[in-house]
Amino acid sequence: MSEPDMSPTELRRARIRARFERQFRAIEAQLPWLKRPLTAIRARGWWIVRLPIALVLIVGGVLSFLPVLGLWMLPVGLLLLAVDLPLLRGPLSAAMIRGRRRIAVWQHKRQRKKR
């Protein structure tokens, strides 16, 4: 379906999906060793694997006060869940963009201090 043939709702969903995919490509560009696993886990038909892993990671993130688990598990689990739940894609892609910008600003400030 081309853009002119899409309803406004479909067009909005397609843009959100494209934005979400761009964020994954940005992560893959920054961390090339993650490209293969991220591509594999996002493949169609893998929802049966993604869903339990996402739920375990979210629960692990909530229980991050325990010694073995960490807070990093929560956003990773939410990202995996967003692959299958379109409702989460918009907010999570916005959060990914904000996070990447904050990391870039922090790195820039850190390098200026070193000079």
PDB file of N, CA and C in Angstrom:
ATOM      1  N   MET A   1       0.843  -1.180   0.000  1.00  0.00           N
ATOM      2  CA  MET A   1       0.000   0.000   0.000  1.00  0.00           C
ATOM      3  C   MET A   1       0.890   1.246   0.000  1.00  0.00           C
ATOM      4  N   SER A   2       0.647   2.123  -0.917  1.00  0.00           N
ATOM      5  CA  SER A   2       1.443   3.349  -0.971  1.00  0.00           C
ATOM      6  C   SER A   2       0.858   4.382  -0.014  1.00  0.00           C
ATOM      7  N   GLU A   3       1.636   5.404   0.266  1.00  0.00           N
ATOM      8  CA  GLU A   3       1.213   6.427   1.241  1.00  0.00           C
ATOM      9  C   GLU A   3      -0.115   7.091   0.895  1.00  0.00           C
ATOM     10  N   PRO A   4      -0.376   7.478  -0.362  1.00  0.00           N
ATOM     11  CA  PRO A   4      -1.660   8.131  -0.653  1.00  0.00           C
ATOM     12  C   PRO A   4      -2.861   7.203  -0.437  1.00  0.00           C
ATOM     13  N   ASP A   5      -2.674   5.889  -0.555  1.00  0.00           N
ATOM     14  CA  ASP A   5      -3.767   4.938  -0.388  1.00  0.00           C
ATOM     15  C   ASP A   5      -4.080   4.648   1.070  1.00  0.00           C
ATOM     16  N   MET A   6      -3.231   5.079   1.982  1.00  0.00           N
ATOM     17  CA  MET A   6      -3.405   4.759   3.397  1.00  0.00           C
ATOM     18  C   MET A   6      -4.341   5.744   4.078  1.00  0.00           C
ATOM     19  N   SER A   7      -5.083   5.222   5.038  1.00  0.00           N
ATOM     20  CA  SER A   7      -5.901   6.100   5.864  1.00  0.00           C
ATOM     21  C   SER A   7      -4.973   6.835   6.837  1.00  0.00           C
ATOM     22  N   PRO A   8      -5.418   7.910   7.439  1.00  0.00           N
ATOM     23  CA  PRO A   8      -4.562   8.636   8.391  1.00  0.00           C
ATOM     24  C   PRO A   8      -4.082   7.748   9.548  1.00  0.00           C
ATOM     25  N   THR A   9      -4.929   6.852  10.016  1.00  0.00           N
ATOM     26  CA  THR A   9      -4.538   5.955  11.109  1.00  0.00           C
ATOM     27  C   THR A   9      -3.462   4.987  10.655  1.00  0.00           C
ATOM     28  N   GLU A  10      -3.641   4.412   9.480  1.00  0.00           N
ATOM     29  CA  GLU A  10      -2.636   3.490   8.949  1.00  0.00           C
ATOM     30  C   GLU A  10      -1.315   4.202   8.706  1.00  0.00           C
ATOM     31  N   LEU A  11      -1.393   5.421   8.199  1.00  0.00           N
ATOM     32  CA  LEU A  11      -0.190   6.203   7.935  1.00  0.00           C
ATOM     33  C   LEU A  11       0.561   6.496   9.236  1.00  0.00           C
ATOM     34  N   ARG A  12      -0.182   6.857  10.270  1.00  0.00           N
ATOM     35  CA  ARG A  12       0.433   7.121  11.586  1.00  0.00           C
ATOM     36  C   ARG A  12       1.108   5.857  12.134  1.00  0.00           C
ATOM     37  N   ARG A  13       0.429   4.725  12.028  1.00  0.00           N
ATOM     38  CA  ARG A  13       1.003   3.456  12.493  1.00  0.00           C
ATOM     39  C   ARG A  13       2.275   3.105  11.724  1.00  0.00           C
ATOM     40  N   ALA A  14       2.247   3.335  10.410  1.00  0.00           N
ATOM     41  CA  ALA A  14       3.420   3.039   9.586  1.00  0.00           C
ATOM     42  C   ALA A  14       4.595   3.936   9.970  1.00  0.00           C
ATOM     43  N   ARG A  15       4.321   5.192  10.257  1.00  0.00           N
ATOM     44  CA  ARG A  15       5.396   6.110  10.660  1.00  0.00           C
ATOM     45  C   ARG A  15       5.970   5.730  12.020  1.00  0.00           C
ATOM     46  N   ILE A  16       5.100   5.346  12.941  1.00  0.00           N
ATOM     47  CA  ILE A  16       5.573   4.921  14.264  1.00  0.00           C
ATOM     48  C   ILE A  16       6.423   3.669  14.126  1.00  0.00           C
ATOM     49  N   ARG A  17       5.981   2.734  13.311  1.00  0.00           N
ATOM     50  CA  ARG A  17       6.734   1.490  13.080  1.00  0.00           C
ATOM     51  C   ARG A  17       8.105   1.807  12.470  1.00  0.00           C
ATOM     52  N   ALA A  18       8.132   2.698  11.478  1.00  0.00           N
ATOM     53  CA  ALA A  18       9.391   3.066  10.833  1.00  0.00           C
ATOM     54  C   ALA A  18      10.333   3.746  11.825  1.00  0.00           C
ATOM     55  N   ARG A  19       9.794   4.606  12.672  1.00  0.00           N
ATOM     56  CA  ARG A  19      10.613   5.285  13.692  1.00  0.00           C
ATOM     57  C   ARG A  19      11.197   4.274  14.670  1.00  0.00           C
ATOM     58  N   PHE A  20      10.372   3.314  15.077  1.00  0.00           N
ATOM     59  CA  PHE A  20      10.802   2.257  15.990  1.00  0.00           C
ATOM     60  C   PHE A  20      11.930   1.433  15.359  1.00  0.00           C
ATOM     61  N   GLU A  21      11.777   1.077  14.094  1.00  0.00           N
ATOM     62  CA  GLU A  21      12.810   0.304  13.391  1.00  0.00           C
ATOM     63  C   GLU A  21      14.101   1.112  13.237  1.00  0.00           C
ATOM     64  N   ARG A  22      13.982   2.424  13.003  1.00  0.00           N
ATOM     65  CA  ARG A  22      15.182   3.279  12.905  1.00  0.00           C
ATOM     66  C   ARG A  22      15.974   3.266  14.204  1.00  0.00           C
ATOM     67  N   GLN A  23      15.272   3.212  15.328  1.00  0.00           N
ATOM     68  CA  GLN A  23      15.968   3.179  16.617  1.00  0.00           C
ATOM     69  C   GLN A  23      16.744   1.879  16.777  1.00  0.00           C
ATOM     70  N   PHE A  24      16.179   0.778  16.349  1.00  0.00           N
ATOM     71  CA  PHE A  24      16.913  -0.485  16.395  1.00  0.00           C
ATOM     72  C   PHE A  24      18.128  -0.438  15.472  1.00  0.00           C
ATOM     73  N   ARG A  25      17.975   0.159  14.281  1.00  0.00           N
ATOM     74  CA  ARG A  25      19.123   0.280  13.371  1.00  0.00           C
ATOM     75  C   ARG A  25      20.210   1.165  13.972  1.00  0.00           C
ATOM     76  N   ALA A  26      19.810   2.188  14.715  1.00  0.00           N
ATOM     77  CA  ALA A  26      20.794   3.065  15.363  1.00  0.00           C
ATOM     78  C   ALA A  26      21.563   2.297  16.431  1.00  0.00           C
ATOM     79  N   ILE A  27      20.869   1.463  17.189  1.00  0.00           N
ATOM     80  CA  ILE A  27      21.549   0.632  18.194  1.00  0.00           C
ATOM     81  C   ILE A  27      22.510  -0.325  17.509  1.00  0.00           C
ATOM     82  N   GLU A  28      22.058  -0.930  16.411  1.00  0.00           N
ATOM     83  CA  GLU A  28      22.911  -1.858  15.672  1.00  0.00           C
ATOM     84  C   GLU A  28      24.140  -1.157  15.098  1.00  0.00           C
ATOM     85  N   ALA A  29      23.995   0.095  14.706  1.00  0.00           N
ATOM     86  CA  ALA A  29      25.134   0.846  14.169  1.00  0.00           C
ATOM     87  C   ALA A  29      26.147   1.166  15.271  1.00  0.00           C
ATOM     88  N   GLN A  30      25.644   1.480  16.466  1.00  0.00           N
ATOM     89  CA  GLN A  30      26.546   1.801  17.574  1.00  0.00           C
ATOM     90  C   GLN A  30      27.189   0.554  18.160  1.00  0.00           C
ATOM     91  N   LEU A  31      26.459  -0.543  18.159  1.00  0.00           N
ATOM     92  CA  LEU A  31      26.948  -1.801  18.727  1.00  0.00           C
ATOM     93  C   LEU A  31      26.812  -2.901  17.673  1.00  0.00           C
ATOM     94  N   PRO A  32      27.749  -2.969  16.718  1.00  0.00           N
ATOM     95  CA  PRO A  32      27.620  -3.906  15.595  1.00  0.00           C
ATOM     96  C   PRO A  32      27.491  -5.369  16.017  1.00  0.00           C
ATOM     97  N   TRP A  33      28.041  -5.738  17.140  1.00  0.00           N
ATOM     98  CA  TRP A  33      27.962  -7.123  17.593  1.00  0.00           C
ATOM     99  C   TRP A  33      26.536  -7.519  17.981  1.00  0.00           C
ATOM    100  N   LEU A  34      25.641  -6.545  18.142  1.00  0.00           N
ATOM    101  CA  LEU A  34      24.240  -6.832  18.466  1.00  0.00           C
ATOM    102  C   LEU A  34      23.346  -6.959  17.232  1.00  0.00           C
ATOM    103  N   LYS A  35      23.885  -6.671  16.050  1.00  0.00           N
ATOM    104  CA  LYS A  35      23.065  -6.671  14.839  1.00  0.00           C
ATOM    105  C   LYS A  35      22.415  -8.031  14.588  1.00  0.00           C
ATOM    106  N   ARG A  36      23.188  -9.070  14.620  1.00  0.00           N
ATOM    107  CA  ARG A  36      22.650 -10.400  14.326  1.00  0.00           C
ATOM    108  C   ARG A  36      21.591 -10.845  15.341  1.00  0.00           C
ATOM    109  N   PRO A  37      21.865 -10.747  16.664  1.00  0.00           N
ATOM    110  CA  PRO A  37      20.821 -11.164  17.609  1.00  0.00           C
ATOM    111  C   PRO A  37      19.567 -10.296  17.552  1.00  0.00           C
ATOM    112  N   LEU A  38      19.731  -8.984  17.347  1.00  0.00           N
ATOM    113  CA  LEU A  38      18.563  -8.107  17.274  1.00  0.00           C
ATOM    114  C   LEU A  38      17.718  -8.394  16.035  1.00  0.00           C
ATOM    115  N   THR A  39      18.372  -8.663  14.931  1.00  0.00           N
ATOM    116  CA  THR A  39      17.646  -8.993  13.712  1.00  0.00           C
ATOM    117  C   THR A  39      16.910 -10.312  13.873  1.00  0.00           C
ATOM    118  N   ALA A  40      17.569 -11.281  14.478  1.00  0.00           N
ATOM    119  CA  ALA A  40      16.954 -12.600  14.657  1.00  0.00           C
ATOM    120  C   ALA A  40      15.757 -12.536  15.595  1.00  0.00           C
ATOM    121  N   ILE A  41      15.886 -11.838  16.689  1.00  0.00           N
ATOM    122  CA  ILE A  41      14.816 -11.807  17.686  1.00  0.00           C
ATOM    123  C   ILE A  41      13.607 -11.006  17.198  1.00  0.00           C
ATOM    124  N   ARG A  42      13.829 -10.089  16.234  1.00  0.00           N
ATOM    125  CA  ARG A  42      12.722  -9.288  15.699  1.00  0.00           C
ATOM    126  C   ARG A  42      12.045  -9.945  14.504  1.00  0.00           C
ATOM    127  N   ALA A  43      12.524 -11.104  14.081  1.00  0.00           N
ATOM    128  CA  ALA A  43      11.960 -11.774  12.908  1.00  0.00           C
ATOM    129  C   ALA A  43      10.520 -12.220  13.166  1.00  0.00           C
ATOM    130  N   ARG A  44       9.753 -12.277  12.108  1.00  0.00           N
ATOM    131  CA  ARG A  44       8.367 -12.744  12.225  1.00  0.00           C
ATOM    132  C   ARG A  44       8.364 -14.194  12.702  1.00  0.00           C
ATOM    133  N   GLY A  45       7.376 -14.520  13.482  1.00  0.00           N
ATOM    134  CA  GLY A  45       7.250 -15.884  13.967  1.00  0.00           C
ATOM    135  C   GLY A  45       7.996 -16.154  15.261  1.00  0.00           C
ATOM    136  N   TRP A  46       8.789 -15.194  15.690  1.00  0.00           N
ATOM    137  CA  TRP A  46       9.562 -15.378  16.925  1.00  0.00           C
ATOM    138  C   TRP A  46       8.834 -14.838  18.142  1.00  0.00           C
ATOM    139  N   TRP A  47       7.575 -14.441  18.003  1.00  0.00           N
ATOM    140  CA  TRP A  47       6.838 -13.887  19.133  1.00  0.00           C
ATOM    141  C   TRP A  47       6.759 -14.897  20.264  1.00  0.00           C
ATOM    142  N   ILE A  48       6.734 -16.178  19.933  1.00  0.00           N
ATOM    143  CA  ILE A  48       6.639 -17.213  20.961  1.00  0.00           C
ATOM    144  C   ILE A  48       7.899 -17.254  21.827  1.00  0.00           C
ATOM    145  N   VAL A  49       9.009 -16.798  21.300  1.00  0.00           N
ATOM    146  CA  VAL A  49      10.262 -16.717  22.059  1.00  0.00           C
ATOM    147  C   VAL A  49      10.373 -15.345  22.718  1.00  0.00           C
ATOM    148  N   ARG A  50      10.005 -14.294  21.954  1.00  0.00           N
ATOM    149  CA  ARG A  50      10.124 -12.914  22.443  1.00  0.00           C
ATOM    150  C   ARG A  50       9.284 -12.643  23.681  1.00  0.00           C
ATOM    151  N   LEU A  51       8.044 -13.093  23.662  1.00  0.00           N
ATOM    152  CA  LEU A  51       7.128 -12.771  24.743  1.00  0.00           C
ATOM    153  C   LEU A  51       7.607 -13.290  26.097  1.00  0.00           C
ATOM    154  N   PRO A  52       7.962 -14.571  26.236  1.00  0.00           N
ATOM    155  CA  PRO A  52       8.447 -15.030  27.552  1.00  0.00           C
ATOM    156  C   PRO A  52       9.750 -14.342  27.975  1.00  0.00           C
ATOM    157  N   ILE A  53      10.656 -14.130  27.013  1.00  0.00           N
ATOM    158  CA  ILE A  53      11.923 -13.461  27.354  1.00  0.00           C
ATOM    159  C   ILE A  53      11.640 -12.042  27.834  1.00  0.00           C
ATOM    160  N   ALA A  54      10.750 -11.333  27.135  1.00  0.00           N
ATOM    161  CA  ALA A  54      10.406  -9.962  27.522  1.00  0.00           C
ATOM    162  C   ALA A  54       9.795  -9.921  28.914  1.00  0.00           C
ATOM    163  N   LEU A  55       8.891 -10.835  29.202  1.00  0.00           N
ATOM    164  CA  LEU A  55       8.252 -10.858  30.518  1.00  0.00           C
ATOM    165  C   LEU A  55       9.248 -11.177  31.626  1.00  0.00           C
ATOM    166  N   VAL A  56      10.152 -12.110  31.369  1.00  0.00           N
ATOM    167  CA  VAL A  56      11.180 -12.443  32.369  1.00  0.00           C
ATOM    168  C   VAL A  56      12.092 -11.238  32.611  1.00  0.00           C
ATOM    169  N   LEU A  57      12.475 -10.545  31.542  1.00  0.00           N
ATOM    170  CA  LEU A  57      13.336  -9.369  31.692  1.00  0.00           C
ATOM    171  C   LEU A  57      12.618  -8.241  32.445  1.00  0.00           C
ATOM    172  N   ILE A  58      11.341  -8.055  32.180  1.00  0.00           N
ATOM    173  CA  ILE A  58      10.586  -7.004  32.879  1.00  0.00           C
ATOM    174  C   ILE A  58      10.478  -7.329  34.360  1.00  0.00           C
ATOM    175  N   VAL A  59      10.156  -8.575  34.675  1.00  0.00           N
ATOM    176  CA  VAL A  59      10.080  -8.977  36.085  1.00  0.00           C
ATOM    177  C   VAL A  59      11.451  -8.849  36.742  1.00  0.00           C
ATOM    178  N   GLY A  60      12.500  -9.241  36.036  1.00  0.00           N
ATOM    179  CA  GLY A  60      13.857  -9.099  36.561  1.00  0.00           C
ATOM    180  C   GLY A  60      14.232  -7.650  36.799  1.00  0.00           C
ATOM    181  N   GLY A  61      13.769  -6.767  35.930  1.00  0.00           N
ATOM    182  CA  GLY A  61      14.036  -5.341  36.114  1.00  0.00           C
ATOM    183  C   GLY A  61      13.304  -4.777  37.313  1.00  0.00           C
ATOM    184  N   VAL A  62      12.076  -5.247  37.510  1.00  0.00           N
ATOM    185  CA  VAL A  62      11.313  -4.797  38.673  1.00  0.00           C
ATOM    186  C   VAL A  62      11.978  -5.292  39.963  1.00  0.00           C
ATOM    187  N   LEU A  63      12.556  -6.478  39.916  1.00  0.00           N
ATOM    188  CA  LEU A  63      13.234  -7.050  41.082  1.00  0.00           C
ATOM    189  C   LEU A  63      14.726  -6.716  41.089  1.00  0.00           C
ATOM    190  N   SER A  64      15.080  -5.568  40.550  1.00  0.00           N
ATOM    191  CA  SER A  64      16.495  -5.204  40.390  1.00  0.00           C
ATOM    192  C   SER A  64      17.226  -4.995  41.708  1.00  0.00           C
ATOM    193  N   PHE A  65      16.498  -4.925  42.799  1.00  0.00           N
ATOM    194  CA  PHE A  65      17.161  -4.769  44.088  1.00  0.00           C
ATOM    195  C   PHE A  65      17.852  -6.062  44.516  1.00  0.00           C
ATOM    196  N   LEU A  66      17.533  -7.164  43.873  1.00  0.00           N
ATOM    197  CA  LEU A  66      18.205  -8.435  44.179  1.00  0.00           C
ATOM    198  C   LEU A  66      19.597  -8.428  43.556  1.00  0.00           C
ATOM    199  N   PRO A  67      20.556  -9.151  44.132  1.00  0.00           N
ATOM    200  CA  PRO A  67      21.952  -9.056  43.699  1.00  0.00           C
ATOM    201  C   PRO A  67      22.235  -9.408  42.236  1.00  0.00           C
ATOM    202  N   VAL A  68      21.605 -10.402  41.674  1.00  0.00           N
ATOM    203  CA  VAL A  68      21.950 -10.867  40.331  1.00  0.00           C
ATOM    204  C   VAL A  68      21.244 -10.061  39.243  1.00  0.00           C
ATOM    205  N   LEU A  69      20.090  -9.520  39.556  1.00  0.00           N
ATOM    206  CA  LEU A  69      19.279  -8.831  38.562  1.00  0.00           C
ATOM    207  C   LEU A  69      19.644  -7.350  38.499  1.00  0.00           C
ATOM    208  N   GLY A  70      19.327  -6.709  37.386  1.00  0.00           N
ATOM    209  CA  GLY A  70      19.673  -5.297  37.248  1.00  0.00           C
ATOM    210  C   GLY A  70      18.563  -4.501  36.605  1.00  0.00           C
ATOM    211  N   LEU A  71      18.621  -3.211  36.767  1.00  0.00           N
ATOM    212  CA  LEU A  71      17.615  -2.314  36.219  1.00  0.00           C
ATOM    213  C   LEU A  71      17.646  -2.298  34.690  1.00  0.00           C
ATOM    214  N   TRP A  72      18.772  -2.668  34.097  1.00  0.00           N
ATOM    215  CA  TRP A  72      18.895  -2.703  32.646  1.00  0.00           C
ATOM    216  C   TRP A  72      17.892  -3.664  32.015  1.00  0.00           C
ATOM    217  N   MET A  73      17.418  -4.633  32.780  1.00  0.00           N
ATOM    218  CA  MET A  73      16.516  -5.646  32.245  1.00  0.00           C
ATOM    219  C   MET A  73      15.142  -5.070  31.880  1.00  0.00           C
ATOM    220  N   LEU A  74      14.721  -4.054  32.585  1.00  0.00           N
ATOM    221  CA  LEU A  74      13.400  -3.475  32.356  1.00  0.00           C
ATOM    222  C   LEU A  74      13.268  -2.851  30.960  1.00  0.00           C
ATOM    223  N   PRO A  75      14.153  -1.944  30.557  1.00  0.00           N
ATOM    224  CA  PRO A  75      13.989  -1.367  29.212  1.00  0.00           C
ATOM    225  C   PRO A  75      14.195  -2.388  28.096  1.00  0.00           C
ATOM    226  N   VAL A  76      15.093  -3.340  28.300  1.00  0.00           N
ATOM    227  CA  VAL A  76      15.309  -4.366  27.272  1.00  0.00           C
ATOM    228  C   VAL A  76      14.046  -5.208  27.110  1.00  0.00           C
ATOM    229  N   GLY A  77      13.435  -5.579  28.221  1.00  0.00           N
ATOM    230  CA  GLY A  77      12.191  -6.333  28.165  1.00  0.00           C
ATOM    231  C   GLY A  77      11.070  -5.545  27.505  1.00  0.00           C
ATOM    232  N   LEU A  78      10.975  -4.263  27.814  1.00  0.00           N
ATOM    233  CA  LEU A  78       9.947  -3.424  27.191  1.00  0.00           C
ATOM    234  C   LEU A  78      10.172  -3.290  25.686  1.00  0.00           C
ATOM    235  N   LEU A  79      11.432  -3.189  25.270  1.00  0.00           N
ATOM    236  CA  LEU A  79      11.728  -3.110  23.829  1.00  0.00           C
ATOM    237  C   LEU A  79      11.300  -4.381  23.122  1.00  0.00           C
ATOM    238  N   LEU A  80      11.587  -5.523  23.724  1.00  0.00           N
ATOM    239  CA  LEU A  80      11.169  -6.781  23.109  1.00  0.00           C
ATOM    240  C   LEU A  80       9.647  -6.887  23.061  1.00  0.00           C
ATOM    241  N   LEU A  81       9.001  -6.432  24.088  1.00  0.00           N
ATOM    242  CA  LEU A  81       7.542  -6.469  24.120  1.00  0.00           C
ATOM    243  C   LEU A  81       6.952  -5.530  23.071  1.00  0.00           C
ATOM    244  N   ALA A  82       7.607  -4.407  22.829  1.00  0.00           N
ATOM    245  CA  ALA A  82       7.117  -3.425  21.861  1.00  0.00           C
ATOM    246  C   ALA A  82       7.185  -3.945  20.427  1.00  0.00           C
ATOM    247  N   VAL A  83       8.024  -4.921  20.183  1.00  0.00           N
ATOM    248  CA  VAL A  83       8.074  -5.499  18.839  1.00  0.00           C
ATOM    249  C   VAL A  83       6.715  -6.106  18.498  1.00  0.00           C
ATOM    250  N   ASP A  84       6.042  -6.674  19.490  1.00  0.00           N
ATOM    251  CA  ASP A  84       4.745  -7.310  19.258  1.00  0.00           C
ATOM    252  C   ASP A  84       3.548  -6.457  19.656  1.00  0.00           C
ATOM    253  N   LEU A  85       3.746  -5.434  20.464  1.00  0.00           N
ATOM    254  CA  LEU A  85       2.638  -4.579  20.908  1.00  0.00           C
ATOM    255  C   LEU A  85       2.804  -3.170  20.337  1.00  0.00           C
ATOM    256  N   PRO A  86       2.083  -2.858  19.270  1.00  0.00           N
ATOM    257  CA  PRO A  86       2.219  -1.542  18.635  1.00  0.00           C
ATOM    258  C   PRO A  86       1.959  -0.372  19.578  1.00  0.00           C
ATOM    259  N   LEU A  87       1.171  -0.573  20.606  1.00  0.00           N
ATOM    260  CA  LEU A  87       0.859   0.485  21.556  1.00  0.00           C
ATOM    261  C   LEU A  87       2.113   1.025  22.246  1.00  0.00           C
ATOM    262  N   LEU A  88       3.115   0.180  22.439  1.00  0.00           N
ATOM    263  CA  LEU A  88       4.343   0.573  23.130  1.00  0.00           C
ATOM    264  C   LEU A  88       5.386   1.204  22.206  1.00  0.00           C
ATOM    265  N   ARG A  89       5.246   1.029  20.911  1.00  0.00           N
ATOM    266  CA  ARG A  89       6.291   1.478  19.970  1.00  0.00           C
ATOM    267  C   ARG A  89       6.546   2.974  20.013  1.00  0.00           C
ATOM    268  N   GLY A  90       5.493   3.776  19.997  1.00  0.00           N
ATOM    269  CA  GLY A  90       5.654   5.233  19.995  1.00  0.00           C
ATOM    270  C   GLY A  90       6.373   5.737  21.237  1.00  0.00           C
ATOM    271  N   PRO A  91       5.861   5.403  22.444  1.00  0.00           N
ATOM    272  CA  PRO A  91       6.532   5.884  23.655  1.00  0.00           C
ATOM    273  C   PRO A  91       7.952   5.348  23.805  1.00  0.00           C
ATOM    274  N   LEU A  92       8.170   4.099  23.423  1.00  0.00           N
ATOM    275  CA  LEU A  92       9.516   3.541  23.580  1.00  0.00           C
ATOM    276  C   LEU A  92      10.500   4.102  22.565  1.00  0.00           C
ATOM    277  N   SER A  93      10.051   4.350  21.351  1.00  0.00           N
ATOM    278  CA  SER A  93      10.979   4.955  20.391  1.00  0.00           C
ATOM    279  C   SER A  93      11.331   6.379  20.824  1.00  0.00           C
ATOM    280  N   ALA A  94      10.363   7.096  21.384  1.00  0.00           N
ATOM    281  CA  ALA A  94      10.652   8.446  21.904  1.00  0.00           C
ATOM    282  C   ALA A  94      11.635   8.366  23.068  1.00  0.00           C
ATOM    283  N   ALA A  95      11.449   7.387  23.938  1.00  0.00           N
ATOM    284  CA  ALA A  95      12.375   7.211  25.062  1.00  0.00           C
ATOM    285  C   ALA A  95      13.767   6.822  24.572  1.00  0.00           C
ATOM    286  N   MET A  96      13.834   6.002  23.529  1.00  0.00           N
ATOM    287  CA  MET A  96      15.138   5.621  22.971  1.00  0.00           C
ATOM    288  C   MET A  96      15.858   6.839  22.401  1.00  0.00           C
ATOM    289  N   ILE A  97      15.122   7.688  21.721  1.00  0.00           N
ATOM    290  CA  ILE A  97      15.716   8.902  21.142  1.00  0.00           C
ATOM    291  C   ILE A  97      16.241   9.803  22.250  1.00  0.00           C
ATOM    292  N   ARG A  98      15.423  10.028  23.289  1.00  0.00           N
ATOM    293  CA  ARG A  98      15.869  10.854  24.418  1.00  0.00           C
ATOM    294  C   ARG A  98      17.100  10.248  25.083  1.00  0.00           C
ATOM    295  N   GLY A  99      17.085   8.951  25.278  1.00  0.00           N
ATOM    296  CA  GLY A  99      18.223   8.288  25.911  1.00  0.00           C
ATOM    297  C   GLY A  99      19.490   8.412  25.085  1.00  0.00           C
ATOM    298  N   ARG A 100      19.377   8.200  23.779  1.00  0.00           N
ATOM    299  CA  ARG A 100      20.555   8.331  22.910  1.00  0.00           C
ATOM    300  C   ARG A 100      21.085   9.757  22.908  1.00  0.00           C
ATOM    301  N   ARG A 101      20.193  10.744  22.926  1.00  0.00           N
ATOM    302  CA  ARG A 101      20.631  12.152  22.967  1.00  0.00           C
ATOM    303  C   ARG A 101      21.339  12.461  24.281  1.00  0.00           C
ATOM    304  N   ARG A 102      20.774  11.990  25.387  1.00  0.00           N
ATOM    305  CA  ARG A 102      21.405  12.244  26.693  1.00  0.00           C
ATOM    306  C   ARG A 102      22.771  11.591  26.786  1.00  0.00           C
ATOM    307  N   ILE A 103      22.899  10.395  26.254  1.00  0.00           N
ATOM    308  CA  ILE A 103      24.204   9.719  26.262  1.00  0.00           C
ATOM    309  C   ILE A 103      25.194  10.512  25.419  1.00  0.00           C
ATOM    310  N   ALA A 104      24.758  11.008  24.253  1.00  0.00           N
ATOM    311  CA  ALA A 104      25.647  11.791  23.389  1.00  0.00           C
ATOM    312  C   ALA A 104      26.089  13.083  24.085  1.00  0.00           C
ATOM    313  N   VAL A 105      25.169  13.764  24.762  1.00  0.00           N
ATOM    314  CA  VAL A 105      25.510  14.988  25.485  1.00  0.00           C
ATOM    315  C   VAL A 105      26.483  14.673  26.614  1.00  0.00           C
ATOM    316  N   TRP A 106      26.210  13.609  27.352  1.00  0.00           N
ATOM    317  CA  TRP A 106      27.089  13.202  28.458  1.00  0.00           C
ATOM    318  C   TRP A 106      28.491  12.881  27.946  1.00  0.00           C
ATOM    319  N   GLN A 107      28.584  12.150  26.831  1.00  0.00           N
ATOM    320  CA  GLN A 107      29.896  11.814  26.264  1.00  0.00           C
ATOM    321  C   GLN A 107      30.617  13.068  25.793  1.00  0.00           C
ATOM    322  N   HIS A 108      29.881  14.003  25.200  1.00  0.00           N
ATOM    323  CA  HIS A 108      30.489  15.244  24.728  1.00  0.00           C
ATOM    324  C   HIS A 108      31.048  16.057  25.910  1.00  0.00           C
ATOM    325  N   LYS A 109      30.274  16.174  26.969  1.00  0.00           N
ATOM    326  CA  LYS A 109      30.736  16.889  28.158  1.00  0.00           C
ATOM    327  C   LYS A 109      31.953  16.222  28.764  1.00  0.00           C
ATOM    328  N   ARG A 110      31.934  14.906  28.806  1.00  0.00           N
ATOM    329  CA  ARG A 110      33.050  14.153  29.382  1.00  0.00           C
ATOM    330  C   ARG A 110      34.335  14.356  28.573  1.00  0.00           C
ATOM    331  N   GLN A 111      34.207  14.396  27.261  1.00  0.00           N
ATOM    332  CA  GLN A 111      35.392  14.618  26.419  1.00  0.00           C
ATOM    333  C   GLN A 111      35.899  16.039  26.548  1.00  0.00           C
ATOM    334  N   ARG A 112      35.015  17.022  26.724  1.00  0.00           N
ATOM    335  CA  ARG A 112      35.453  18.412  26.911  1.00  0.00           C
ATOM    336  C   ARG A 112      36.201  18.568  28.219  1.00  0.00           C
ATOM    337  N   LYS A 113      35.805  17.843  29.264  1.00  0.00           N
ATOM    338  CA  LYS A 113      36.498  17.921  30.538  1.00  0.00           C
ATOM    339  C   LYS A 113      37.902  17.356  30.439  1.00  0.00           C
ATOM    340  N   LYS A 114      38.115  16.359  29.608  1.00  0.00           N
ATOM    341  CA  LYS A 114      39.421  15.726  29.456  1.00  0.00           C
ATOM    342  C   LYS A 114      40.436  16.668  28.800  1.00  0.00           C
ATOM    343  N   ARG A 115      39.956  17.609  28.003  1.00  0.00           N
ATOM    344  CA  ARG A 115      40.863  18.510  27.277  1.00  0.00           C
ATOM    345  C   ARG A 115      41.460  19.526  28.163  1.00  0.00           C
TER     346      ARG A 115
END
